[in-house]
Amino acid sequence: QVQLVESGGGLVQAGGSLRLSCASSGRARSTYAMAWFRQTPGKEREFVSGINRSGGITKYEDSVKGRFTISRDNAQNTVYLQMNSLKPEDTAVYYCAADEDSMVVVRSDREYYDYWGQGTQVTVSS
């Protein structure tokens, strides 16, 4: 079993930055492909960004390309999402997720993700 805990959310003005962290525990010797999803009320949870096991492959949803950067520190079992130039439409609950089956690629379909964190609220004011 893997536990994921997100942190770093908050309230920021448009154009500002936040860095989200996702710390994993349990089965610490296993390294999984990781991703960030986000969800707003009444909408489905959507893929934001993902990173493969080694950190050599990353993937981004089109609206965040050039603004968000995903990274990982496997020694610390932590994944980060640096969010710059934030927009009000980035407001959502952000979830960290782990895909235990993907060996190389980053998958964007949430059905592939086996473990989820509780989420952290990001609010961007205009």
Protein backbone atom coordinates (compact mmCIF):
# COMPACT_ATOMS: atom_id res chain seq x y z
CA GLN A 1 0.00 0.00 0.00
CA VAL A 2 1.15 3.50 -0.81
CA GLN A 3 0.12 6.67 0.98
CA LEU A 4 0.32 10.01 -0.82
CA VAL A 5 0.16 13.35 0.95
CA GLU A 6 -0.05 16.62 -0.96
CA SER A 7 0.99 20.01 0.37
CA GLY A 8 1.70 23.49 -0.90
CA GLY A 9 -1.71 24.62 -2.02
CA GLY A 10 -3.15 27.99 -1.11
CA LEU A 11 -4.47 31.31 -2.32
CA VAL A 12 -2.42 33.30 -4.82
CA GLN A 13 -3.06 36.21 -7.15
CA ALA A 14 -3.10 35.73 -10.89
CA GLY A 15 0.44 35.70 -12.25
CA GLY A 16 1.81 34.27 -9.03
CA SER A 17 3.45 30.94 -8.30
CA LEU A 18 2.98 27.94 -6.06
CA ARG A 19 4.89 24.71 -5.62
CA LEU A 20 2.97 21.59 -4.77
CA SER A 21 4.63 18.61 -3.13
CA CYS A 22 3.52 15.01 -2.94
CA ALA A 23 5.23 12.82 -0.38
CA SER A 24 4.80 9.08 -0.67
CA SER A 25 5.24 6.45 1.99
CA GLY A 26 4.72 2.72 2.24
CA ARG A 27 6.39 0.31 -0.15
CA ALA A 28 9.16 2.92 -0.21
CA ARG A 29 11.45 0.74 -2.28
CA SER A 30 9.04 0.86 -5.20
CA THR A 31 9.11 3.83 -7.54
CA TYR A 32 6.03 4.57 -9.54
CA ALA A 33 5.07 6.82 -12.39
CA MET A 34 3.42 9.82 -10.79
CA ALA A 35 0.97 12.45 -11.91
CA TRP A 36 -0.97 15.48 -10.84
CA PHE A 37 -4.67 15.78 -11.59
CA ARG A 38 -7.08 18.56 -10.75
CA GLN A 39 -10.80 18.82 -10.24
CA THR A 40 -13.34 21.61 -9.94
CA PRO A 41 -16.93 21.18 -8.73
CA GLY A 42 -19.15 19.53 -11.29
CA LYS A 43 -16.29 18.52 -13.55
CA GLU A 44 -14.34 15.35 -14.02
CA ARG A 45 -10.86 15.02 -12.60
CA GLU A 46 -8.41 15.96 -15.33
CA PHE A 47 -4.78 15.17 -15.99
CA VAL A 48 -2.39 18.07 -15.45
CA SER A 49 1.10 16.60 -15.60
CA GLY A 50 2.95 13.34 -15.12
CA ILE A 51 6.46 12.00 -14.76
CA ASN A 52 7.79 8.52 -15.31
CA ARG A 53 9.71 6.39 -12.82
CA SER A 54 13.15 7.71 -13.64
CA GLY A 55 12.08 11.30 -14.16
CA GLY A 56 13.30 11.24 -17.74
CA ILE A 57 9.88 11.54 -19.34
CA THR A 58 7.32 14.19 -18.49
CA LYS A 59 3.92 15.03 -19.92
CA TYR A 60 1.72 18.10 -19.65
CA GLU A 61 -1.82 19.05 -20.44
CA ASP A 62 -1.83 21.70 -23.15
CA SER A 63 -3.12 24.57 -21.01
CA VAL A 64 -0.24 24.28 -18.52
CA LYS A 65 2.65 23.76 -20.93
CA GLY A 66 5.32 26.38 -20.42
CA ARG A 67 3.89 27.37 -17.04
CA PHE A 68 4.03 24.21 -14.92
CA THR A 69 7.02 21.96 -14.30
CA ILE A 70 6.87 18.52 -12.75
CA SER A 71 9.90 16.95 -11.09
CA ARG A 72 10.73 14.22 -8.63
CA ASP A 73 13.29 13.34 -6.01
CA ASN A 74 13.26 9.57 -5.70
CA ALA A 75 15.62 9.62 -2.74
CA GLN A 76 13.03 11.70 -0.87
CA ASN A 77 10.02 9.89 -2.35
CA THR A 78 8.59 13.24 -3.34
CA VAL A 79 7.11 14.67 -6.51
CA TYR A 80 6.77 18.39 -7.13
CA LEU A 81 4.65 20.58 -9.34
CA GLN A 82 6.02 24.07 -9.82
CA MET A 83 3.21 26.30 -11.05
CA ASN A 84 4.08 29.69 -12.48
CA SER A 85 2.01 32.39 -14.18
CA LEU A 86 -1.08 31.06 -12.48
CA LYS A 87 -4.48 31.92 -13.90
CA PRO A 88 -7.92 31.95 -12.26
CA GLU A 89 -8.84 28.94 -14.41
CA ASP A 90 -6.12 26.95 -12.61
CA THR A 91 -8.25 27.09 -9.47
CA ALA A 92 -9.03 23.52 -8.43
CA VAL A 93 -8.28 20.79 -5.96
CA TYR A 94 -5.01 19.20 -7.05
CA TYR A 95 -4.45 15.49 -6.50
CA CYS A 96 -1.29 13.45 -6.62
CA ALA A 97 -1.54 9.93 -8.01
CA ALA A 98 0.69 6.90 -8.51
CA ASP A 99 0.62 4.42 -11.39
CA GLU A 100 2.26 1.22 -10.22
CA ASP A 101 2.12 -0.61 -13.55
CA SER A 102 3.68 1.84 -15.99
CA MET A 103 7.33 1.01 -16.53
CA VAL A 104 8.39 3.79 -18.90
CA VAL A 105 5.58 5.97 -20.24
CA VAL A 106 3.37 8.53 -18.55
CA ARG A 107 -0.33 7.77 -18.85
CA SER A 108 -2.92 10.52 -18.65
CA ASP A 109 -6.04 8.42 -18.09
CA ARG A 110 -6.94 8.52 -14.40
CA GLU A 111 -8.16 4.91 -14.58
CA TYR A 112 -4.53 3.76 -14.69
CA TYR A 113 -3.68 5.33 -11.35
CA ASP A 114 -3.81 3.06 -8.33
CA TYR A 115 -3.17 5.39 -5.42
CA TRP A 116 -4.42 8.90 -4.74
CA GLY A 117 -3.77 11.61 -2.21
CA GLN A 118 -6.42 13.61 -0.40
CA GLY A 119 -5.92 16.70 -2.53
CA THR A 120 -4.81 20.25 -1.90
CA GLN A 121 -6.80 23.36 -2.80
CA VAL A 122 -5.28 25.89 -5.17
CA THR A 123 -7.17 29.16 -5.55
CA VAL A 124 -6.04 31.85 -7.99
CA SER A 125 -7.70 35.22 -7.61
CA SER A 126 -8.06 37.65 -10.49
